[in-house]
């Protein structure tokens, strides 16, 4: 009896899966010719303020006014202490202003000077700086 129920169950599962095996599904939507008459929206690429900012120098360098603390991880000596200090003192008007932060040691100043070419400054964008995501965006390695 158990064998008969098992076979019946297996047959039912197989029968239920026939739709997954490539049987054609009838399409009752618009005909093929009416699709070509519809306006095309594929030429318009959706963009937002974050995409626009990433297309500038911001996407290639560390923007001191908009980058979160994780961007500094790839540069020795900047993460986490110096990166946090930079974020707390932002916004900056120009890249060299980062050297004028209060409480920097000589070693920290030399680390910053060695990395000035990797920094850029742009106007703060709410998309990148609002909330606590700038200090902890919840992504860990």
N, C-alpha and C. Protein backbone atom coordinates (compact mmCIF):
# COMPACT_ATOMS: atom_id res chain seq x y z
N UNK A 1 0.82 -1.19 0.00
CA UNK A 1 0.00 0.00 0.00
C UNK A 1 0.86 1.26 0.00
N UNK A 2 1.94 1.30 0.84
CA UNK A 2 2.82 2.44 0.90
C UNK A 2 3.50 2.65 -0.45
N UNK A 3 3.84 1.57 -1.09
CA UNK A 3 4.49 1.65 -2.40
C UNK A 3 3.53 2.27 -3.42
N UNK A 4 2.25 1.87 -3.40
CA UNK A 4 1.24 2.38 -4.32
C UNK A 4 1.02 3.89 -4.09
N UNK A 5 0.96 4.33 -2.84
CA UNK A 5 0.79 5.75 -2.52
C UNK A 5 2.01 6.54 -2.97
N UNK A 6 3.19 5.98 -2.77
CA UNK A 6 4.42 6.64 -3.21
C UNK A 6 4.47 6.82 -4.71
N UNK A 7 4.07 5.79 -5.46
CA UNK A 7 4.06 5.89 -6.91
C UNK A 7 3.02 6.91 -7.37
N UNK A 8 1.86 6.92 -6.73
CA UNK A 8 0.81 7.86 -7.07
C UNK A 8 1.26 9.30 -6.79
N UNK A 9 1.94 9.50 -5.69
CA UNK A 9 2.46 10.81 -5.34
C UNK A 9 3.53 11.26 -6.34
N UNK A 10 4.43 10.38 -6.72
CA UNK A 10 5.46 10.70 -7.71
C UNK A 10 4.84 11.05 -9.06
N UNK A 11 3.79 10.33 -9.45
CA UNK A 11 3.10 10.62 -10.70
C UNK A 11 2.43 11.99 -10.65
N UNK A 12 1.85 12.33 -9.51
CA UNK A 12 1.20 13.63 -9.34
C UNK A 12 2.20 14.77 -9.41
N UNK A 13 3.36 14.58 -8.80
CA UNK A 13 4.40 15.61 -8.86
C UNK A 13 4.89 15.77 -10.29
N UNK A 14 5.10 14.67 -10.99
CA UNK A 14 5.54 14.72 -12.38
C UNK A 14 4.50 15.42 -13.25
N UNK A 15 3.25 15.11 -13.04
CA UNK A 15 2.18 15.74 -13.80
C UNK A 15 2.10 17.23 -13.50
N UNK A 16 2.32 17.60 -12.26
CA UNK A 16 2.30 19.01 -11.87
C UNK A 16 3.47 19.80 -12.44
N UNK A 17 4.57 19.14 -12.72
CA UNK A 17 5.76 19.81 -13.24
C UNK A 17 5.77 19.94 -14.75
N UNK A 18 4.76 19.49 -15.44
CA UNK A 18 4.75 19.55 -16.90
C UNK A 18 4.85 20.98 -17.42
N UNK A 19 4.34 21.94 -16.68
CA UNK A 19 4.44 23.33 -17.10
C UNK A 19 5.88 23.82 -17.11
N UNK A 20 6.74 23.21 -16.31
CA UNK A 20 8.13 23.61 -16.25
C UNK A 20 8.96 22.95 -17.34
N UNK A 21 8.41 22.00 -18.02
CA UNK A 21 9.18 21.24 -18.99
C UNK A 21 9.17 21.88 -20.37
N UNK A 22 8.70 23.07 -20.48
CA UNK A 22 8.78 23.78 -21.74
C UNK A 22 7.52 23.72 -22.57
N UNK A 23 6.40 23.29 -22.01
CA UNK A 23 5.16 23.32 -22.76
C UNK A 23 4.78 24.77 -23.02
N UNK A 24 4.38 25.10 -24.22
CA UNK A 24 4.10 26.50 -24.54
C UNK A 24 2.90 27.04 -23.77
N UNK A 25 3.03 28.28 -23.35
CA UNK A 25 1.95 28.97 -22.67
C UNK A 25 1.33 29.97 -23.64
N UNK A 26 0.02 29.97 -23.81
CA UNK A 26 -0.58 30.91 -24.77
C UNK A 26 -0.49 32.34 -24.25
N UNK A 27 -0.10 33.26 -25.13
CA UNK A 27 -0.02 34.67 -24.79
C UNK A 27 -1.26 35.36 -25.32
N UNK A 28 -2.00 35.99 -24.44
CA UNK A 28 -3.25 36.62 -24.85
C UNK A 28 -3.11 38.15 -24.87
N UNK A 29 -1.89 38.64 -24.80
CA UNK A 29 -1.68 40.08 -24.77
C UNK A 29 -1.77 40.64 -26.19
N UNK A 30 -1.08 41.72 -26.45
CA UNK A 30 -1.10 42.35 -27.76
C UNK A 30 -0.50 41.45 -28.83
N UNK A 31 -0.96 41.61 -30.03
CA UNK A 31 -0.38 40.86 -31.14
C UNK A 31 1.01 41.36 -31.46
N UNK A 32 1.75 40.62 -32.24
CA UNK A 32 3.14 40.94 -32.56
C UNK A 32 3.25 42.29 -33.28
N UNK A 33 2.34 42.57 -34.20
CA UNK A 33 2.41 43.81 -34.96
C UNK A 33 2.14 45.04 -34.10
N UNK A 34 1.31 44.91 -33.09
CA UNK A 34 0.99 46.08 -32.29
C UNK A 34 2.13 46.44 -31.34
N UNK A 35 3.05 45.52 -31.10
CA UNK A 35 4.19 45.83 -30.23
C UNK A 35 5.10 46.84 -30.90
N UNK A 36 5.32 46.70 -32.20
CA UNK A 36 6.21 47.61 -32.89
C UNK A 36 5.62 49.02 -32.98
N UNK A 37 4.31 49.15 -32.86
CA UNK A 37 3.67 50.46 -32.93
C UNK A 37 3.73 51.19 -31.60
N UNK A 38 4.05 50.48 -30.52
CA UNK A 38 4.10 51.11 -29.20
C UNK A 38 5.35 51.98 -29.08
N UNK A 39 5.28 53.07 -28.33
CA UNK A 39 6.47 53.92 -28.17
C UNK A 39 7.56 53.19 -27.40
N UNK A 40 8.79 53.45 -27.75
CA UNK A 40 9.93 52.78 -27.13
C UNK A 40 10.53 53.67 -26.05
N UNK A 41 10.71 53.11 -24.86
CA UNK A 41 11.31 53.85 -23.76
C UNK A 41 12.71 53.34 -23.44
N UNK A 42 13.19 52.37 -24.19
CA UNK A 42 14.48 51.76 -23.90
C UNK A 42 15.64 52.72 -24.13
N UNK A 43 15.45 53.75 -24.92
CA UNK A 43 16.53 54.69 -25.21
C UNK A 43 16.82 55.61 -24.02
N UNK A 44 15.90 55.74 -23.10
CA UNK A 44 16.08 56.60 -21.94
C UNK A 44 16.65 55.77 -20.81
N UNK A 45 17.85 56.14 -20.37
CA UNK A 45 18.49 55.42 -19.28
C UNK A 45 18.09 56.07 -17.96
N UNK A 46 17.52 55.29 -17.03
CA UNK A 46 17.12 55.89 -15.75
C UNK A 46 18.35 56.32 -14.95
N UNK A 47 18.31 57.54 -14.40
CA UNK A 47 19.43 58.06 -13.62
C UNK A 47 18.87 58.74 -12.38
N UNK A 48 19.67 58.83 -11.39
CA UNK A 48 19.31 59.56 -10.18
C UNK A 48 20.50 60.40 -9.76
N UNK A 49 20.37 61.12 -8.66
CA UNK A 49 21.46 62.02 -8.24
C UNK A 49 22.71 61.25 -7.87
N UNK A 50 22.57 60.06 -7.32
CA UNK A 50 23.75 59.27 -6.97
C UNK A 50 24.50 58.84 -8.22
N UNK A 51 23.78 58.40 -9.26
CA UNK A 51 24.44 58.02 -10.51
C UNK A 51 25.15 59.21 -11.14
N UNK A 52 24.52 60.37 -11.11
CA UNK A 52 25.15 61.56 -11.67
C UNK A 52 26.44 61.91 -10.93
N UNK A 53 26.43 61.77 -9.62
CA UNK A 53 27.62 62.06 -8.82
C UNK A 53 28.72 61.04 -9.08
N UNK A 54 28.35 59.76 -9.21
CA UNK A 54 29.34 58.72 -9.46
C UNK A 54 29.98 58.84 -10.84
N UNK A 55 29.32 59.51 -11.77
CA UNK A 55 29.87 59.69 -13.11
C UNK A 55 30.95 60.78 -13.13
N UNK A 56 31.07 61.56 -12.07
CA UNK A 56 32.08 62.61 -12.01
C UNK A 56 33.35 62.05 -11.39
N UNK A 57 34.24 62.94 -10.96
CA UNK A 57 35.49 62.53 -10.32
C UNK A 57 35.24 61.76 -9.02
N UNK A 58 34.05 61.94 -8.44
CA UNK A 58 33.69 61.26 -7.20
C UNK A 58 33.83 59.74 -7.33
N UNK A 59 33.51 59.21 -8.48
CA UNK A 59 33.59 57.77 -8.67
C UNK A 59 35.00 57.24 -8.78
N UNK A 60 35.98 58.14 -8.99
CA UNK A 60 37.36 57.73 -9.18
C UNK A 60 38.27 58.06 -7.99
N UNK A 61 37.85 59.04 -7.18
CA UNK A 61 38.63 59.46 -6.02
C UNK A 61 37.74 59.46 -4.78
N UNK A 62 38.36 59.63 -3.64
CA UNK A 62 37.61 59.72 -2.38
C UNK A 62 37.13 61.16 -2.23
N UNK A 63 35.83 61.35 -2.24
CA UNK A 63 35.24 62.67 -2.03
C UNK A 63 35.11 62.89 -0.53
N UNK A 64 35.89 63.80 -0.01
CA UNK A 64 35.94 64.01 1.44
C UNK A 64 34.61 64.46 2.02
N UNK A 65 33.74 65.03 1.22
CA UNK A 65 32.45 65.52 1.72
C UNK A 65 31.33 64.50 1.54
N UNK A 66 31.53 63.43 0.80
CA UNK A 66 30.43 62.52 0.49
C UNK A 66 30.73 61.04 0.71
N UNK A 67 31.96 60.65 0.83
CA UNK A 67 32.31 59.24 0.93
C UNK A 67 32.09 58.71 2.33
N UNK A 68 31.73 57.42 2.44
CA UNK A 68 31.60 56.82 3.77
C UNK A 68 32.94 56.27 4.22
N UNK A 69 33.01 55.86 5.45
CA UNK A 69 34.27 55.48 6.08
C UNK A 69 34.93 54.27 5.41
N UNK A 70 34.14 53.40 4.79
CA UNK A 70 34.71 52.20 4.16
C UNK A 70 35.59 52.51 2.95
N UNK A 71 35.40 53.65 2.31
CA UNK A 71 36.20 54.01 1.14
C UNK A 71 37.67 54.20 1.51
N UNK A 72 37.94 54.48 2.77
CA UNK A 72 39.31 54.71 3.22
C UNK A 72 40.06 53.42 3.54
N UNK A 73 39.38 52.28 3.52
CA UNK A 73 40.00 51.01 3.90
C UNK A 73 41.14 50.60 2.99
N UNK A 74 41.11 51.01 1.75
CA UNK A 74 42.13 50.60 0.79
C UNK A 74 43.42 51.40 0.88
N UNK A 75 43.44 52.40 1.74
CA UNK A 75 44.61 53.26 1.86
C UNK A 75 45.22 53.11 3.25
N UNK A 76 46.44 52.61 3.35
CA UNK A 76 47.08 52.36 4.65
C UNK A 76 47.19 53.64 5.49
N UNK A 77 46.83 53.52 6.75
CA UNK A 77 46.94 54.61 7.69
C UNK A 77 45.71 55.49 7.80
N UNK A 78 44.79 55.38 6.87
CA UNK A 78 43.61 56.25 6.91
C UNK A 78 42.45 55.64 7.67
N UNK A 79 42.33 54.34 7.66
CA UNK A 79 41.17 53.67 8.27
C UNK A 79 41.57 53.07 9.60
N UNK A 80 40.81 53.17 10.62
CA UNK A 80 39.53 53.84 10.82
C UNK A 80 39.65 55.22 11.46
N UNK A 81 40.74 55.46 12.21
CA UNK A 81 40.83 56.68 13.03
C UNK A 81 40.84 57.96 12.20
N UNK A 82 41.72 58.02 11.24
CA UNK A 82 41.84 59.23 10.43
C UNK A 82 40.61 59.43 9.54
N UNK A 83 40.06 58.34 9.05
CA UNK A 83 38.85 58.42 8.23
C UNK A 83 37.69 59.00 9.04
N UNK A 84 37.52 58.54 10.25
CA UNK A 84 36.44 59.05 11.10
C UNK A 84 36.64 60.53 11.39
N UNK A 85 37.88 60.93 11.63
CA UNK A 85 38.17 62.34 11.91
C UNK A 85 37.83 63.21 10.69
N UNK A 86 38.14 62.70 9.49
CA UNK A 86 37.81 63.44 8.26
C UNK A 86 36.30 63.61 8.13
N UNK A 87 35.56 62.53 8.36
CA UNK A 87 34.10 62.59 8.22
C UNK A 87 33.48 63.52 9.26
N UNK A 88 34.02 63.53 10.46
CA UNK A 88 33.47 64.39 11.51
C UNK A 88 33.73 65.87 11.23
N UNK A 89 34.82 66.19 10.51
CA UNK A 89 35.17 67.58 10.22
C UNK A 89 34.66 68.07 8.87
N UNK A 90 34.08 67.20 8.09
CA UNK A 90 33.54 67.60 6.78
C UNK A 90 32.33 68.50 7.00
N UNK A 91 32.00 69.35 6.09
CA UNK A 91 32.48 69.49 4.72
C UNK A 91 33.71 70.39 4.62
N UNK A 92 34.49 70.14 3.58
CA UNK A 92 35.69 70.91 3.28
C UNK A 92 35.45 71.71 2.01
N UNK A 93 36.09 72.88 1.93
CA UNK A 93 35.97 73.70 0.72
C UNK A 93 36.94 73.26 -0.37
N UNK A 94 38.13 72.84 0.06
CA UNK A 94 39.11 72.33 -0.89
C UNK A 94 39.88 71.19 -0.23
N UNK A 95 40.59 70.42 -1.02
CA UNK A 95 41.26 69.21 -0.53
C UNK A 95 42.29 69.55 0.54
N UNK A 96 43.03 70.64 0.37
CA UNK A 96 44.07 71.00 1.33
C UNK A 96 43.53 71.34 2.72
N UNK A 97 42.24 71.64 2.82
CA UNK A 97 41.64 71.96 4.12
C UNK A 97 41.68 70.78 5.08
N UNK A 98 41.86 69.58 4.56
CA UNK A 98 41.91 68.41 5.42
C UNK A 98 43.15 68.44 6.32
N UNK A 99 44.18 69.17 5.89
CA UNK A 99 45.41 69.27 6.69
C UNK A 99 45.24 70.23 7.86
N UNK A 100 44.18 71.05 7.85
CA UNK A 100 43.97 72.04 8.91
C UNK A 100 43.07 71.53 10.04
N UNK A 101 42.74 70.25 10.05
CA UNK A 101 41.90 69.71 11.12
C UNK A 101 42.63 69.79 12.45
N UNK A 102 41.91 70.07 13.51
CA UNK A 102 42.51 70.18 14.84
C UNK A 102 42.89 68.80 15.37
N UNK A 103 43.99 68.75 16.10
CA UNK A 103 44.39 67.53 16.78
C UNK A 103 45.11 66.50 15.93
N UNK A 104 45.61 66.86 14.77
CA UNK A 104 46.34 65.90 13.94
C UNK A 104 47.78 65.77 14.42
N UNK A 105 48.25 64.55 14.47
CA UNK A 105 49.65 64.31 14.81
C UNK A 105 50.51 64.51 13.55
N UNK A 106 51.83 64.58 13.74
CA UNK A 106 52.73 64.73 12.59
C UNK A 106 52.61 63.53 11.65
N UNK A 107 52.46 62.35 12.21
CA UNK A 107 52.32 61.14 11.39
C UNK A 107 51.03 61.19 10.56
N UNK A 108 49.94 61.62 11.17
CA UNK A 108 48.67 61.72 10.45
C UNK A 108 48.75 62.76 9.33
N UNK A 109 49.44 63.86 9.59
CA UNK A 109 49.60 64.88 8.55
C UNK A 109 50.41 64.33 7.39
N UNK A 110 51.45 63.56 7.68
CA UNK A 110 52.26 62.98 6.59
C UNK A 110 51.46 61.94 5.80
N UNK A 111 50.60 61.18 6.47
CA UNK A 111 49.74 60.22 5.77
C UNK A 111 48.76 60.95 4.86
N UNK A 112 48.18 62.03 5.36
CA UNK A 112 47.24 62.82 4.55
C UNK A 112 47.94 63.45 3.35
N UNK A 113 49.14 64.01 3.56
CA UNK A 113 49.88 64.62 2.46
C UNK A 113 50.22 63.60 1.39
N UNK A 114 50.54 62.38 1.81
CA UNK A 114 50.88 61.33 0.85
C UNK A 114 49.66 60.90 0.02
N UNK A 115 48.46 61.16 0.51
CA UNK A 115 47.24 60.72 -0.17
C UNK A 115 46.40 61.86 -0.74
N UNK A 116 46.89 63.09 -0.73
CA UNK A 116 46.10 64.22 -1.20
C UNK A 116 45.65 64.06 -2.66
N UNK A 117 46.47 63.40 -3.48
CA UNK A 117 46.10 63.23 -4.89
C UNK A 117 44.96 62.23 -5.07
N UNK A 118 44.62 61.47 -4.04
CA UNK A 118 43.53 60.50 -4.11
C UNK A 118 42.20 61.09 -3.63
N UNK A 119 42.23 62.33 -3.15
CA UNK A 119 41.05 62.99 -2.61
C UNK A 119 40.48 63.99 -3.61
N UNK A 120 39.21 64.23 -3.47
CA UNK A 120 38.52 65.30 -4.19
C UNK A 120 37.47 65.87 -3.26
N UNK A 121 36.94 67.03 -3.60
CA UNK A 121 35.92 67.68 -2.79
C UNK A 121 34.82 68.17 -3.72
N UNK A 122 33.59 67.86 -3.36
CA UNK A 122 32.42 68.40 -4.07
C UNK A 122 31.36 68.73 -3.03
N UNK A 123 30.32 69.38 -3.47
CA UNK A 123 29.26 69.79 -2.54
C UNK A 123 28.62 68.55 -1.90
N UNK A 124 28.34 68.60 -0.61
CA UNK A 124 27.70 67.45 0.04
C UNK A 124 26.36 67.11 -0.59
N UNK A 125 26.13 65.85 -0.83
CA UNK A 125 24.90 65.35 -1.45
C UNK A 125 24.16 64.51 -0.42
N UNK A 126 22.89 64.85 -0.15
CA UNK A 126 22.11 64.14 0.86
C UNK A 126 22.07 62.63 0.61
N UNK A 127 22.12 62.22 -0.63
CA UNK A 127 22.08 60.80 -0.97
C UNK A 127 23.21 60.04 -0.30
N UNK A 128 24.35 60.69 -0.11
CA UNK A 128 25.52 60.03 0.44
C UNK A 128 25.78 60.33 1.91
N UNK A 129 25.31 61.45 2.43
CA UNK A 129 25.70 61.86 3.77
C UNK A 129 24.60 61.84 4.82
N UNK A 130 23.36 61.55 4.45
CA UNK A 130 22.30 61.59 5.45
C UNK A 130 22.33 60.36 6.34
N UNK A 131 21.93 60.54 7.57
CA UNK A 131 21.88 59.44 8.53
C UNK A 131 23.25 59.00 8.99
N UNK A 132 23.31 57.84 9.60
CA UNK A 132 24.57 57.31 10.11
C UNK A 132 25.29 56.42 9.14
N UNK A 133 24.79 56.30 7.92
CA UNK A 133 25.42 55.41 6.94
C UNK A 133 26.83 55.83 6.58
N UNK A 134 27.16 57.06 6.79
CA UNK A 134 28.49 57.53 6.44
C UNK A 134 29.54 56.92 7.35
N UNK A 135 29.18 56.66 8.59
CA UNK A 135 30.12 56.09 9.55
C UNK A 135 30.02 54.58 9.62
N UNK A 136 28.81 54.03 9.41
CA UNK A 136 28.62 52.58 9.45
C UNK A 136 27.49 52.24 8.49
N UNK A 137 27.86 51.81 7.29
CA UNK A 137 26.83 51.48 6.30
C UNK A 137 26.41 50.02 6.36
N UNK A 138 26.89 49.28 7.34
CA UNK A 138 26.43 47.92 7.56
C UNK A 138 27.01 46.89 6.60
N UNK A 139 28.02 47.24 5.84
CA UNK A 139 28.66 46.29 4.92
C UNK A 139 30.04 45.98 5.48
N UNK A 140 30.27 44.72 5.72
CA UNK A 140 31.53 44.31 6.34
C UNK A 140 32.25 43.30 5.48
N UNK A 141 33.56 43.32 5.52
CA UNK A 141 34.36 42.33 4.78
C UNK A 141 34.64 41.15 5.65
